[in-house]
Amino acid sequence: MIEERRKNPQGAADRRLRIIVYASLLAFFILAAYGFYLIYHLTRDVHEASVSVALLTASVTKQMQQVAEAMDSIPKPIASMAGNTDSMAHNTESMARNMQYMARTNAYMAETNARMQADMWSLNRSVSTPMAPFTSMMPWSGGGSYLGSYGPMQYPPPYPPPR
């Protein structure tokens, strides 16, 4: 065989070339099959993604319709709340007027009580001084004379007049 190769050098080169070409063809077929496998799975994954996007689009459309319906019903409660707020403002004004009236009435009552206390003090002063000798004879008097209280309280400051 060695002699044959020496005689036909072109045949040895052809044989080497055939081995390289056959090995390259085998590698090409293997890579082509793997490429086909990758492309097949890629198209399948893209199909699944498109189905998911279609389902998501339908779901979002349905949810957006429900949101739009809910948004349509919002102005009615807001209008009701505005009416209730106006009513509350009116009631608050009425309560403020009533509180002012109560404050004035309370001030008048305090002034009246102070005047009654002053009148009682004056009465006590005018009666207890002449009755002091009899008071010392009473068993509950403690032996001393009672000259009454220390004096009437001052009148409260007048309440500001209503506006």
Protein backbone atom coordinates (compact mmCIF):
# COMPACT_ATOMS: atom_id res chain seq x y z
CA MET A 1 0.00 0.00 0.00
CA ILE A 2 2.78 2.36 0.68
CA GLU A 3 4.10 1.66 -2.75
CA GLU A 4 0.71 2.34 -4.20
CA ARG A 5 0.56 5.69 -2.45
CA ARG A 6 3.92 6.60 -3.82
CA LYS A 7 2.82 5.71 -7.28
CA ASN A 8 -0.50 7.56 -7.05
CA PRO A 9 -0.05 10.65 -4.83
CA GLN A 10 -3.22 12.16 -6.22
CA GLY A 11 -5.33 9.28 -4.85
CA ALA A 12 -4.02 9.81 -1.30
CA ALA A 13 -4.94 13.48 -1.49
CA ASP A 14 -8.36 12.55 -2.79
CA ARG A 15 -8.84 10.17 0.05
CA ARG A 16 -7.82 12.78 2.63
CA LEU A 17 -10.12 15.25 0.99
CA ARG A 18 -13.00 12.77 1.09
CA ILE A 19 -12.48 12.17 4.84
CA ILE A 20 -12.51 15.94 5.50
CA VAL A 21 -15.60 16.47 3.32
CA TYR A 22 -17.49 13.52 4.85
CA ALA A 23 -16.64 14.69 8.37
CA SER A 24 -17.74 18.23 7.44
CA LEU A 25 -21.00 16.92 5.97
CA LEU A 26 -21.66 14.91 9.13
CA ALA A 27 -20.98 17.98 11.29
CA PHE A 28 -23.23 20.07 9.00
CA PHE A 29 -26.10 17.58 9.35
CA ILE A 30 -25.69 17.49 13.12
CA LEU A 31 -25.67 21.31 13.32
CA ALA A 32 -28.62 21.55 10.88
CA ALA A 33 -30.64 19.11 13.01
CA TYR A 34 -29.79 21.08 16.18
CA GLY A 35 -30.71 24.35 14.41
CA PHE A 36 -34.03 22.84 13.36
CA TYR A 37 -34.62 21.75 16.97
CA LEU A 38 -33.91 25.28 18.24
CA ILE A 39 -36.10 26.94 15.62
CA TYR A 40 -38.94 24.51 16.31
CA HIS A 41 -38.87 25.25 20.06
CA LEU A 42 -38.56 28.97 19.42
CA THR A 43 -41.67 28.97 17.22
CA ARG A 44 -43.54 26.90 19.81
CA ASP A 45 -42.55 29.34 22.60
CA VAL A 46 -43.59 32.34 20.46
CA HIS A 47 -46.94 30.64 19.80
CA GLU A 48 -47.48 30.09 23.55
CA ALA A 49 -46.53 33.73 24.22
CA SER A 50 -49.01 34.96 21.59
CA VAL A 51 -51.77 32.82 23.15
CA SER A 52 -50.93 34.26 26.58
CA VAL A 53 -50.98 37.81 25.22
CA ALA A 54 -54.37 37.16 23.60
CA LEU A 55 -55.77 35.87 26.93
CA LEU A 56 -54.24 38.81 28.78
CA THR A 57 -55.73 41.26 26.28
CA ALA A 58 -59.19 39.75 26.76
CA SER A 59 -58.82 39.90 30.54
CA VAL A 60 -57.60 43.52 30.49
CA THR A 61 -60.46 44.51 28.18
CA LYS A 62 -62.98 42.95 30.56
CA GLN A 63 -61.40 44.62 33.58
CA MET A 64 -61.30 48.00 31.83
CA GLN A 65 -65.01 47.73 31.05
CA GLN A 66 -65.71 47.03 34.74
CA VAL A 67 -63.55 50.01 35.76
CA ALA A 68 -65.39 52.24 33.27
CA GLU A 69 -68.76 51.11 34.68
CA ALA A 70 -67.54 51.79 38.23
CA MET A 71 -66.27 55.23 37.19
CA ASP A 72 -69.68 56.04 35.70
CA SER A 73 -71.34 55.41 39.08
CA ILE A 74 -68.94 57.66 41.06
CA PRO A 75 -70.52 61.10 40.34
CA LYS A 76 -73.82 60.19 42.05
CA PRO A 77 -72.29 59.49 45.49
CA ILE A 78 -70.03 62.53 45.15
CA ALA A 79 -73.06 64.75 44.46
CA SER A 80 -74.77 63.25 47.51
CA MET A 81 -71.66 63.89 49.59
CA ALA A 82 -71.61 67.52 48.44
CA GLY A 83 -75.25 67.94 49.50
CA ASN A 84 -74.52 66.35 52.86
CA THR A 85 -71.53 68.64 53.33
CA ASP A 86 -73.72 71.69 52.69
CA SER A 87 -76.24 70.38 55.23
CA MET A 88 -73.46 69.81 57.75
CA ALA A 89 -72.18 73.37 57.23
CA HIS A 90 -75.68 74.72 57.87
CA ASN A 91 -76.03 72.58 60.99
CA THR A 92 -72.62 73.72 62.23
CA GLU A 93 -73.60 77.36 61.81
CA SER A 94 -76.80 76.69 63.74
CA MET A 95 -74.83 74.97 66.49
CA ALA A 96 -72.42 77.92 66.69
CA ARG A 97 -75.36 80.34 67.11
CA ASN A 98 -76.86 78.11 69.81
CA MET A 99 -73.52 77.95 71.62
CA GLN A 100 -73.26 81.75 71.58
CA TYR A 101 -76.78 81.98 72.97
CA MET A 102 -75.92 79.46 75.68
CA ALA A 103 -72.77 81.39 76.59
CA ARG A 104 -74.75 84.65 76.90
CA THR A 105 -77.44 82.93 78.96
CA ASN A 106 -74.82 81.38 81.22
CA ALA A 107 -73.22 84.80 81.74
CA TYR A 108 -76.61 86.30 82.64
CA MET A 109 -77.23 83.46 85.09
CA ALA A 110 -73.82 84.02 86.70
CA GLU A 111 -74.55 87.73 87.03
CA THR A 112 -77.97 87.01 88.56
CA ASN A 113 -76.45 84.58 91.05
CA ALA A 114 -73.83 87.16 92.01
CA ARG A 115 -76.58 89.73 92.59
CA MET A 116 -78.57 87.26 94.69
CA GLN A 117 -75.46 86.54 96.73
CA ALA A 118 -74.89 90.27 97.24
CA ASP A 119 -78.52 90.72 98.30
CA MET A 120 -78.24 87.81 100.74
CA TRP A 121 -75.05 89.31 102.14
CA SER A 122 -76.76 92.64 102.58
CA LEU A 123 -79.74 90.95 104.26
CA ASN A 124 -77.44 88.94 106.50
CA ARG A 125 -75.54 92.09 107.46
CA SER A 126 -78.69 93.99 108.26
CA VAL A 127 -80.26 91.16 110.30
CA SER A 128 -77.25 89.56 112.00
CA THR A 129 -75.87 92.72 113.58
CA PRO A 130 -79.02 93.53 115.62
CA MET A 131 -79.51 89.83 116.41
CA ALA A 132 -75.92 89.34 117.69
CA PRO A 133 -76.93 89.38 121.40
CA PHE A 134 -79.52 86.67 120.82
CA THR A 135 -77.06 84.60 118.74
CA SER A 136 -74.65 84.41 121.66
CA MET A 137 -77.43 82.85 123.81
CA MET A 138 -78.12 80.04 121.36
CA PRO A 139 -76.53 76.66 122.15
CA TRP A 140 -75.14 76.14 118.65
CA SER A 141 -73.54 79.55 118.31
CA GLY A 142 -70.29 78.62 120.04
CA GLY A 143 -70.43 81.68 122.24
CA GLY A 144 -69.32 84.22 119.63
CA SER A 145 -71.27 86.60 117.53
CA TYR A 146 -71.62 85.89 113.82
CA LEU A 147 -71.34 88.97 111.70
CA GLY A 148 -72.08 87.28 108.35
CA SER A 149 -69.97 86.56 105.31
CA TYR A 150 -66.97 88.57 104.18
CA GLY A 151 -68.81 90.40 101.44
CA PRO A 152 -70.40 89.87 98.07
CA MET A 153 -68.43 88.56 95.13
CA GLN A 154 -67.66 90.90 92.30
CA TYR A 155 -69.98 90.84 89.32
CA PRO A 156 -68.68 88.78 86.38
CA PRO A 157 -67.45 90.79 83.43
CA PRO A 158 -70.28 91.46 81.00
CA TYR A 159 -70.54 89.11 78.07
CA PRO A 160 -69.94 90.75 74.70
CA PRO A 161 -73.23 91.72 73.10
CA PRO A 162 -74.48 89.58 70.19
CA ARG A 163 -73.52 90.72 66.73
